[in-house]
Amino acid sequence: MSRSGNAATPWSIVARMALKLHRCSTRWRVGPCWRVQKALEEQGIDYEVVKGPARPGKRTELQRISGQKLYPVIEFENGAIYCEESKDMAATIRAGQLDEKRGASN
């Protein structure tokens, strides 16, 4: 599930980043995890899906890296974590501003 932008697009810098999208394991194409995944795909950003446990009590790894047990979470190759409300995450991605979150740790 990878997509790449081309050099002429404003998100080309972001498209070359290795991202991990930590998300629920549901197959439904609705909800917060799908909202963020769809935005990544629409913008042609390369990412790897990391499906995690459905039950919040079993999300120990997600809590370790992000400080929370809620999906979705984006993990950048430098270890930085980006998480906020999925609607805000999708808007950030679509606005071509994901690279600005690369140094942020929420």
Protein backbone atom coordinates (compact mmCIF):
# COMPACT_ATOMS: atom_id res chain seq x y z
CA MET A 1 0.00 0.00 0.00
CA SER A 2 2.60 2.51 -1.01
CA ARG A 3 2.29 5.53 -3.19
CA SER A 4 4.91 8.00 -4.35
CA GLY A 5 4.61 11.63 -5.38
CA ASN A 6 6.75 13.07 -8.14
CA ALA A 7 9.32 15.84 -7.84
CA ALA A 8 6.92 18.44 -9.23
CA THR A 9 4.42 18.05 -6.39
CA PRO A 10 4.58 20.07 -3.16
CA TRP A 11 4.53 16.89 -1.09
CA SER A 12 7.47 15.25 -2.85
CA ILE A 13 9.73 15.69 0.18
CA VAL A 14 7.18 13.97 2.38
CA ALA A 15 6.58 11.25 -0.21
CA ARG A 16 10.17 10.06 0.11
CA MET A 17 9.90 9.63 3.87
CA ALA A 18 9.40 6.22 5.35
CA LEU A 19 6.23 6.47 7.43
CA LYS A 20 4.51 3.90 9.55
CA LEU A 21 0.79 4.27 10.02
CA HIS A 22 -0.19 2.54 13.23
CA ARG A 23 -3.86 1.72 12.87
CA CYS A 24 -6.59 -0.64 13.93
CA SER A 25 -6.83 -4.03 12.31
CA THR A 26 -10.38 -3.58 11.02
CA ARG A 27 -10.99 -3.98 7.30
CA TRP A 28 -13.76 -1.38 7.22
CA ARG A 29 -13.22 1.61 5.00
CA VAL A 30 -14.68 4.05 7.51
CA GLY A 31 -13.56 5.64 10.75
CA PRO A 32 -10.48 7.45 11.99
CA CYS A 33 -7.85 4.97 10.81
CA TRP A 34 -9.24 4.81 7.30
CA ARG A 35 -9.61 8.61 7.17
CA VAL A 36 -5.86 9.09 7.72
CA GLN A 37 -4.86 6.19 5.48
CA LYS A 38 -7.03 7.55 2.66
CA ALA A 39 -5.41 11.00 2.98
CA LEU A 40 -1.93 9.43 2.73
CA GLU A 41 -2.98 7.54 -0.39
CA GLU A 42 -4.60 10.59 -1.98
CA GLN A 43 -1.40 12.58 -1.51
CA GLY A 44 0.82 9.79 -2.85
CA ILE A 45 2.79 9.42 0.37
CA ASP A 46 4.74 6.21 0.96
CA TYR A 47 3.74 4.46 4.14
CA GLU A 48 3.70 1.10 5.84
CA VAL A 49 0.60 -0.05 7.68
CA VAL A 50 1.24 -1.40 11.16
CA LYS A 51 -1.98 -3.04 12.28
CA GLY A 52 -2.34 -3.33 16.00
CA PRO A 53 -4.66 -4.95 18.50
CA ALA A 54 -8.31 -3.97 18.48
CA ARG A 55 -8.54 -3.94 22.28
CA PRO A 56 -7.03 -0.83 23.92
CA GLY A 57 -5.75 -2.92 26.84
CA LYS A 58 -3.46 -4.80 24.47
CA ARG A 59 -1.94 -1.72 22.81
CA THR A 60 1.17 -1.59 24.98
CA GLU A 61 3.55 -0.98 22.06
CA LEU A 62 1.40 1.86 20.75
CA GLN A 63 1.33 3.41 24.20
CA ARG A 64 5.11 3.01 24.50
CA ILE A 65 5.83 4.91 21.28
CA SER A 66 3.04 7.49 21.40
CA GLY A 67 2.01 7.86 25.02
CA GLN A 68 -1.57 6.89 24.16
CA LYS A 69 -3.65 3.86 23.28
CA LEU A 70 -5.68 5.48 20.50
CA TYR A 71 -5.29 5.00 16.76
CA PRO A 72 -4.21 6.31 14.30
CA VAL A 73 -0.60 7.27 14.93
CA ILE A 74 2.05 8.19 12.36
CA GLU A 75 5.62 7.24 13.15
CA PHE A 76 8.37 8.92 11.09
CA GLU A 77 11.66 7.23 10.23
CA ASN A 78 13.45 9.43 12.78
CA GLY A 79 11.21 8.08 15.53
CA ALA A 80 9.06 11.22 15.79
CA ILE A 81 5.38 10.56 16.45
CA TYR A 82 2.41 12.49 15.12
CA CYS A 83 -1.03 11.98 16.57
CA GLU A 84 -4.08 14.14 17.01
CA GLU A 85 -7.73 13.88 16.01
CA SER A 86 -7.95 11.94 12.75
CA LYS A 87 -9.83 14.75 10.98
CA ASP A 88 -6.99 17.12 11.85
CA MET A 89 -4.38 14.59 10.75
CA ALA A 90 -6.13 14.09 7.41
CA ALA A 91 -6.40 17.86 6.90
CA THR A 92 -2.68 18.29 7.66
CA ILE A 93 -1.79 15.56 5.17
CA ARG A 94 -4.04 16.99 2.46
CA ALA A 95 -2.63 20.49 3.02
CA GLY A 96 0.88 19.16 2.33
CA GLN A 97 2.01 19.97 5.88
CA LEU A 98 2.88 16.50 7.16
CA ASP A 99 6.60 17.23 6.92
CA GLU A 100 6.13 19.97 9.54
CA LYS A 101 5.01 17.30 12.03
CA ARG A 102 8.17 15.28 11.51
CA GLY A 103 10.01 16.97 14.35
CA ALA A 104 6.98 17.16 16.61
CA SER A 105 6.47 14.62 19.32
CA ASN A 106 2.96 14.52 20.73
